[in-house]
C-alpha atoms as a PDB file:
ATOM      1  CA  UNK A   1       0.000   0.000   0.000  1.00  0.00           C
ATOM      2  CA  UNK A   2       1.242   3.446  -0.982  1.00  0.00           C
ATOM      3  CA  UNK A   3       0.287   6.664   0.813  1.00  0.00           C
ATOM      4  CA  UNK A   4       0.182   9.874  -1.210  1.00  0.00           C
ATOM      5  CA  UNK A   5       0.524  12.647   1.355  1.00  0.00           C
ATOM      6  CA  UNK A   6      -2.228  15.262   1.166  1.00  0.00           C
ATOM      7  CA  UNK A   7      -1.048  18.605   2.538  1.00  0.00           C
ATOM      8  CA  UNK A   8      -3.171  20.893   0.385  1.00  0.00           C
ATOM      9  CA  UNK A   9      -0.505  21.613  -2.252  1.00  0.00           C
ATOM     10  CA  UNK A  10      -1.989  20.150  -5.434  1.00  0.00           C
ATOM     11  CA  UNK A  11      -0.841  17.552  -7.964  1.00  0.00           C
ATOM     12  CA  UNK A  12      -2.371  14.742  -5.913  1.00  0.00           C
ATOM     13  CA  UNK A  13      -4.731  13.536  -8.635  1.00  0.00           C
ATOM     14  CA  UNK A  14      -1.962  13.222 -11.236  1.00  0.00           C
ATOM     15  CA  UNK A  15       0.212  11.140  -8.925  1.00  0.00           C
ATOM     16  CA  UNK A  16      -2.756   9.004  -7.855  1.00  0.00           C
ATOM     17  CA  UNK A  17      -3.722   8.331 -11.485  1.00  0.00           C
ATOM     18  CA  UNK A  18      -0.124   7.371 -12.323  1.00  0.00           C
ATOM     19  CA  UNK A  19      -0.190   4.847  -9.469  1.00  0.00           C
ATOM     20  CA  UNK A  20      -3.476   3.440 -10.795  1.00  0.00           C
ATOM     21  CA  UNK A  21      -1.811   2.836 -14.167  1.00  0.00           C
ATOM     22  CA  UNK A  22       0.601   0.559 -12.323  1.00  0.00           C
ATOM     23  CA  UNK A  23      -2.247  -1.289 -10.563  1.00  0.00           C
ATOM     24  CA  UNK A  24      -0.733  -0.053  -7.314  1.00  0.00           C
ATOM     25  CA  UNK A  25      -2.923   0.182  -4.238  1.00  0.00           C
ATOM     26  CA  UNK A  26      -2.504   3.870  -3.481  1.00  0.00           C
ATOM     27  CA  UNK A  27      -4.523   6.180  -1.272  1.00  0.00           C
ATOM     28  CA  UNK A  28      -4.446   9.924  -0.701  1.00  0.00           C
ATOM     29  CA  UNK A  29      -3.803  10.278   3.030  1.00  0.00           C
ATOM     30  CA  UNK A  30      -4.580  13.388   5.072  1.00  0.00           C
ATOM     31  CA  UNK A  31      -4.606  11.846   8.577  1.00  0.00           C
ATOM     32  CA  UNK A  32      -1.018  11.754   9.916  1.00  0.00           C
ATOM     33  CA  UNK A  33      -1.879   8.868  12.244  1.00  0.00           C
ATOM     34  CA  UNK A  34      -2.561   6.650   9.228  1.00  0.00           C
ATOM     35  CA  UNK A  35       0.799   7.082   7.544  1.00  0.00           C
ATOM     36  CA  UNK A  36       2.567   4.353   9.528  1.00  0.00           C
ATOM     37  CA  UNK A  37       0.119   1.759   8.119  1.00  0.00           C
ATOM     38  CA  UNK A  38       1.589   2.058   4.613  1.00  0.00           C
ATOM     39  CA  UNK A  39       4.541   0.359   2.914  1.00  0.00           C
ATOM     40  CA  UNK A  40       5.643   3.388   0.912  1.00  0.00           C
ATOM     41  CA  UNK A  41       5.039   7.129   0.928  1.00  0.00           C
ATOM     42  CA  UNK A  42       4.959   9.639  -1.915  1.00  0.00           C
ATOM     43  CA  UNK A  43       5.321  13.307  -0.972  1.00  0.00           C
ATOM     44  CA  UNK A  44       4.134  15.212  -4.055  1.00  0.00           C
ATOM     45  CA  UNK A  45       3.629  18.928  -4.391  1.00  0.00           C
ATOM     46  CA  UNK A  46       3.326  21.990  -6.577  1.00  0.00           C
ATOM     47  CA  UNK A  47       3.592  25.430  -5.003  1.00  0.00           C
ATOM     48  CA  UNK A  48       5.627  27.468  -2.544  1.00  0.00           C
ATOM     49  CA  UNK A  49       8.019  25.894  -0.017  1.00  0.00           C
ATOM     50  CA  UNK A  50       6.874  28.060   2.898  1.00  0.00           C
ATOM     51  CA  UNK A  51       3.191  27.349   2.344  1.00  0.00           C
ATOM     52  CA  UNK A  52       3.933  23.641   2.095  1.00  0.00           C
ATOM     53  CA  UNK A  53       5.818  23.546   5.388  1.00  0.00           C
ATOM     54  CA  UNK A  54       3.056  25.539   7.067  1.00  0.00           C
ATOM     55  CA  UNK A  55       0.445  23.008   5.919  1.00  0.00           C
ATOM     56  CA  UNK A  56       2.582  20.050   6.994  1.00  0.00           C
ATOM     57  CA  UNK A  57       2.946  21.549  10.467  1.00  0.00           C
ATOM     58  CA  UNK A  58      -0.702  22.553  10.869  1.00  0.00           C
ATOM     59  CA  UNK A  59      -1.988  19.110   9.887  1.00  0.00           C
ATOM     60  CA  UNK A  60       0.511  17.174  12.010  1.00  0.00           C
ATOM     61  CA  UNK A  61       1.844  15.570   8.852  1.00  0.00           C
ATOM     62  CA  UNK A  62       5.333  17.016   9.335  1.00  0.00           C
ATOM     63  CA  UNK A  63       6.186  14.763  12.276  1.00  0.00           C
ATOM     64  CA  UNK A  64       4.383  11.816  10.653  1.00  0.00           C
ATOM     65  CA  UNK A  65       6.513  12.083   7.504  1.00  0.00           C
ATOM     66  CA  UNK A  66       9.704  12.371   9.556  1.00  0.00           C
ATOM     67  CA  UNK A  67       8.694   9.367  11.648  1.00  0.00           C
ATOM     68  CA  UNK A  68       7.931   7.343   8.512  1.00  0.00           C
ATOM     69  CA  UNK A  69      11.347   8.234   7.093  1.00  0.00           C
ATOM     70  CA  UNK A  70      13.037   6.715  10.166  1.00  0.00           C
ATOM     71  CA  UNK A  71      11.142   3.432   9.683  1.00  0.00           C
ATOM     72  CA  UNK A  72      13.381   2.314   6.821  1.00  0.00           C
ATOM     73  CA  UNK A  73      10.432   2.031   4.440  1.00  0.00           C
ATOM     74  CA  UNK A  74      10.812   3.854   1.075  1.00  0.00           C
ATOM     75  CA  UNK A  75       9.681   7.447   0.751  1.00  0.00           C
ATOM     76  CA  UNK A  76       9.990   9.676  -2.319  1.00  0.00           C
ATOM     77  CA  UNK A  77       9.510  13.424  -2.670  1.00  0.00           C
ATOM     78  CA  UNK A  78       8.471  14.718  -6.103  1.00  0.00           C
ATOM     79  CA  UNK A  79       9.186  18.283  -7.307  1.00  0.00           C
ATOM     80  CA  UNK A  80       8.287  20.499  -4.324  1.00  0.00           C
ATOM     81  CA  UNK A  81       8.104  17.277  -2.309  1.00  0.00           C
ATOM     82  CA  UNK A  82      11.794  16.639  -3.072  1.00  0.00           C
ATOM     83  CA  UNK A  83      12.741  20.175  -2.024  1.00  0.00           C
ATOM     84  CA  UNK A  84      10.951  19.760   1.303  1.00  0.00           C
ATOM     85  CA  UNK A  85      13.288  16.873   2.178  1.00  0.00           C
ATOM     86  CA  UNK A  86      16.201  19.292   2.656  1.00  0.00           C
ATOM     87  CA  UNK A  87      17.238  21.444   5.599  1.00  0.00           C
ATOM     88  CA  UNK A  88      15.983  24.759   4.228  1.00  0.00           C
ATOM     89  CA  UNK A  89      14.881  26.812   1.236  1.00  0.00           C
ATOM     90  CA  UNK A  90      15.693  30.381   0.187  1.00  0.00           C
ATOM     91  CA  UNK A  91      12.293  30.793  -1.493  1.00  0.00           C
ATOM     92  CA  UNK A  92      10.628  33.975  -0.134  1.00  0.00           C
ATOM     93  CA  UNK A  93      13.132  34.229   2.706  1.00  0.00           C
ATOM     94  CA  UNK A  94      14.675  31.315   4.551  1.00  0.00           C
ATOM     95  CA  UNK A  95      12.339  28.494   5.582  1.00  0.00           C
ATOM     96  CA  UNK A  96      13.251  25.372   7.485  1.00  0.00           C
ATOM     97  CA  UNK A  97      12.514  22.075   5.715  1.00  0.00           C
ATOM     98  CA  UNK A  98      12.098  18.488   6.892  1.00  0.00           C
ATOM     99  CA  UNK A  99      15.845  18.012   7.326  1.00  0.00           C
ATOM    100  CA  UNK A 100      15.813  14.434   6.030  1.00  0.00           C
ATOM    101  CA  UNK A 101      18.623  15.026   3.524  1.00  0.00           C
ATOM    102  CA  UNK A 102      21.436  17.520   4.248  1.00  0.00           C
ATOM    103  CA  UNK A 103      21.372  20.495   1.896  1.00  0.00           C
ATOM    104  CA  UNK A 104      19.405  23.552   0.886  1.00  0.00           C
ATOM    105  CA  UNK A 105      17.134  24.773  -1.903  1.00  0.00           C
ATOM    106  CA  UNK A 106      18.183  27.824  -3.908  1.00  0.00           C
ATOM    107  CA  UNK A 107      16.886  29.828  -6.873  1.00  0.00           C
ATOM    108  CA  UNK A 108      18.358  29.295 -10.314  1.00  0.00           C
ATOM    109  CA  UNK A 109      21.400  31.566 -10.557  1.00  0.00           C
ATOM    110  CA  UNK A 110      20.601  33.827 -13.505  1.00  0.00           C
ATOM    111  CA  UNK A 111      24.180  35.109 -13.513  1.00  0.00           C
ATOM    112  CA  UNK A 112      25.283  31.667 -14.678  1.00  0.00           C
ATOM    113  CA  UNK A 113      22.651  31.440 -17.422  1.00  0.00           C
ATOM    114  CA  UNK A 114      22.062  32.894 -20.861  1.00  0.00           C
ATOM    115  CA  UNK A 115      18.633  34.367 -20.175  1.00  0.00           C
ATOM    116  CA  UNK A 116      17.863  34.609 -23.902  1.00  0.00           C
ATOM    117  CA  UNK A 117      18.018  30.818 -24.015  1.00  0.00           C
ATOM    118  CA  UNK A 118      17.009  29.838 -20.487  1.00  0.00           C
ATOM    119  CA  UNK A 119      13.881  31.227 -18.899  1.00  0.00           C
ATOM    120  CA  UNK A 120      12.949  30.780 -15.247  1.00  0.00           C
ATOM    121  CA  UNK A 121      10.939  28.835 -14.273  1.00  0.00           C
ATOM    122  CA  UNK A 122      12.491  25.859 -16.006  1.00  0.00           C
ATOM    123  CA  UNK A 123       9.506  24.325 -17.814  1.00  0.00           C
ATOM    124  CA  UNK A 124       9.554  21.418 -20.235  1.00  0.00           C
ATOM    125  CA  UNK A 125      11.410  18.258 -21.162  1.00  0.00           C
ATOM    126  CA  UNK A 126      15.029  17.790 -20.165  1.00  0.00           C
ATOM    127  CA  UNK A 127      17.452  14.933 -19.666  1.00  0.00           C
ATOM    128  CA  UNK A 128      18.429  13.468 -16.321  1.00  0.00           C
ATOM    129  CA  UNK A 129      21.986  12.112 -16.276  1.00  0.00           C
ATOM    130  CA  UNK A 130      21.769   9.452 -13.591  1.00  0.00           C
ATOM    131  CA  UNK A 131      23.989   7.235 -11.534  1.00  0.00           C
ATOM    132  CA  UNK A 132      23.234   3.521 -11.523  1.00  0.00           C
ATOM    133  CA  UNK A 133      20.330   2.961  -9.161  1.00  0.00           C
ATOM    134  CA  UNK A 134      17.263   0.721  -8.932  1.00  0.00           C
ATOM    135  CA  UNK A 135      15.100   3.804  -9.433  1.00  0.00           C
ATOM    136  CA  UNK A 136      16.367   4.046 -13.018  1.00  0.00           C
ATOM    137  CA  UNK A 137      16.316   0.377 -14.035  1.00  0.00           C
ATOM    138  CA  UNK A 138      15.240  -0.028 -17.652  1.00  0.00           C
ATOM    139  CA  UNK A 139      15.637   3.654 -18.577  1.00  0.00           C
ATOM    140  CA  UNK A 140      17.702   4.171 -21.718  1.00  0.00           C
ATOM    141  CA  UNK A 141      17.153   7.852 -22.511  1.00  0.00           C
ATOM    142  CA  UNK A 142      15.574   9.518 -19.468  1.00  0.00           C
ATOM    143  CA  UNK A 143      13.959  12.716 -20.760  1.00  0.00           C
ATOM    144  CA  UNK A 144      11.518  13.931 -18.128  1.00  0.00           C
ATOM    145  CA  UNK A 145       9.162  16.849 -17.526  1.00  0.00           C
ATOM    146  CA  UNK A 146      10.260  19.705 -15.252  1.00  0.00           C
ATOM    147  CA  UNK A 147       8.443  22.713 -13.768  1.00  0.00           C
ATOM    148  CA  UNK A 148      10.457  24.626 -11.144  1.00  0.00           C
ATOM    149  CA  UNK A 149      12.316  27.839 -10.288  1.00  0.00           C
ATOM    150  CA  UNK A 150      14.408  26.436  -7.417  1.00  0.00           C
ATOM    151  CA  UNK A 151      16.757  23.478  -7.107  1.00  0.00           C
ATOM    152  CA  UNK A 152      18.623  21.613  -4.404  1.00  0.00           C
ATOM    153  CA  UNK A 153      22.279  21.938  -3.443  1.00  0.00           C
ATOM    154  CA  UNK A 154      23.651  18.947  -1.550  1.00  0.00           C
ATOM    155  CA  UNK A 155      26.703  16.750  -1.056  1.00  0.00           C
ATOM    156  CA  UNK A 156      27.790  14.539  -3.967  1.00  0.00           C
ATOM    157  CA  UNK A 157      27.144  11.380  -1.958  1.00  0.00           C
ATOM    158  CA  UNK A 158      23.389  12.053  -1.999  1.00  0.00           C
ATOM    159  CA  UNK A 159      23.150  12.893  -5.710  1.00  0.00           C
ATOM    160  CA  UNK A 160      21.542  10.336  -8.032  1.00  0.00           C
ATOM    161  CA  UNK A 161      20.914  12.585 -11.024  1.00  0.00           C
ATOM    162  CA  UNK A 162      22.052  15.817 -12.646  1.00  0.00           C
ATOM    163  CA  UNK A 163      20.259  17.900 -15.277  1.00  0.00           C
ATOM    164  CA  UNK A 164      21.648  20.784 -17.346  1.00  0.00           C
ATOM    165  CA  UNK A 165      19.722  24.038 -17.656  1.00  0.00           C
ATOM    166  CA  UNK A 166      22.145  26.900 -18.085  1.00  0.00           C
ATOM    167  CA  UNK A 167      24.352  24.949 -15.685  1.00  0.00           C
ATOM    168  CA  UNK A 168      24.221  21.551 -13.975  1.00  0.00           C
ATOM    169  CA  UNK A 169      21.761  21.209 -11.091  1.00  0.00           C
ATOM    170  CA  UNK A 170      20.694  18.348  -8.844  1.00  0.00           C
ATOM    171  CA  UNK A 171      17.604  16.570 -10.169  1.00  0.00           C
ATOM    172  CA  UNK A 172      17.513  13.322  -8.148  1.00  0.00           C
ATOM    173  CA  UNK A 173      18.790  12.379  -4.693  1.00  0.00           C
ATOM    174  CA  UNK A 174      18.883   9.509  -2.228  1.00  0.00           C
ATOM    175  CA  UNK A 175      19.820   9.051   1.390  1.00  0.00           C
ATOM    176  CA  UNK A 176      19.182   5.473   2.529  1.00  0.00           C
ATOM    177  CA  UNK A 177      15.418   4.836   2.089  1.00  0.00           C
ATOM    178  CA  UNK A 178      14.662   8.485   1.219  1.00  0.00           C
ATOM    179  CA  UNK A 179      14.470   9.507  -2.446  1.00  0.00           C
ATOM    180  CA  UNK A 180      13.892  12.862  -4.116  1.00  0.00           C
ATOM    181  CA  UNK A 181      12.978  13.560  -7.711  1.00  0.00           C
ATOM    182  CA  UNK A 182      12.802  17.097  -9.134  1.00  0.00           C
ATOM    183  CA  UNK A 183      10.982  16.311 -12.413  1.00  0.00           C
ATOM    184  CA  UNK A 184       7.407  15.082 -12.516  1.00  0.00           C
ATOM    185  CA  UNK A 185       7.286  11.327 -13.267  1.00  0.00           C
ATOM    186  CA  UNK A 186       3.495  11.474 -13.386  1.00  0.00           C
ATOM    187  CA  UNK A 187       3.797  13.917 -16.336  1.00  0.00           C
ATOM    188  CA  UNK A 188       6.740  12.179 -18.037  1.00  0.00           C
ATOM    189  CA  UNK A 189       4.893   9.472 -19.949  1.00  0.00           C
ATOM    190  CA  UNK A 190       6.590   6.047 -20.177  1.00  0.00           C
ATOM    191  CA  UNK A 191       9.858   7.121 -18.529  1.00  0.00           C
ATOM    192  CA  UNK A 192       8.072   8.577 -15.539  1.00  0.00           C
ATOM    193  CA  UNK A 193       5.796   5.582 -15.120  1.00  0.00           C
ATOM    194  CA  UNK A 194       8.855   3.311 -15.241  1.00  0.00           C
ATOM    195  CA  UNK A 195      10.512   5.307 -12.447  1.00  0.00           C
ATOM    196  CA  UNK A 196       7.378   5.077 -10.297  1.00  0.00           C
ATOM    197  CA  UNK A 197       7.187   1.343 -11.009  1.00  0.00           C
ATOM    198  CA  UNK A 198      10.821   0.943  -9.916  1.00  0.00           C
ATOM    199  CA  UNK A 199      10.055   2.862  -6.717  1.00  0.00           C
ATOM    200  CA  UNK A 200       7.172   0.485  -5.978  1.00  0.00           C
ATOM    201  CA  UNK A 201       9.601  -2.437  -6.265  1.00  0.00           C
ATOM    202  CA  UNK A 202      12.370  -1.044  -4.031  1.00  0.00           C
END
């Protein structure tokens, strides 16, 4: 059973429908007390970091997600959900994150980019250059769909994937049973579905 965490940040239906394509028993979960009953957790999200953390705290889901992460069972954060896994974000000030993976979330550095060629937010298909990992089994040419203005900065040992947009940025991470994925697998057609399927089999 897979829990899709509901913290009022959108994109739940897309992730749920992607799980249904895999015949996975998934449920959208809003009660933090229920999270421990599940085998896997997906932390999706589209929106602002600060608002997301506020909702996680107000619903009690913040501590539930952190407790689940310590259980050893797989958890994956998608897009904003990945960013929440880190210590903090610079979006609209400095906001503390879940602290499950060391690092921070920063805005794209426009000084490093040709702004005639690279607009922010980064929207569209781009390639993820990945390390060997079960999450990427069976992927030959992993072009995936991105929508974001911020990206993570973390230690090399946690990085599973890099994507180039003006410069290289972190697009996939792992620390033990905790995974993060900046692109949207639920919007990335066959490649994205394959990644979700691999997550279900970890």
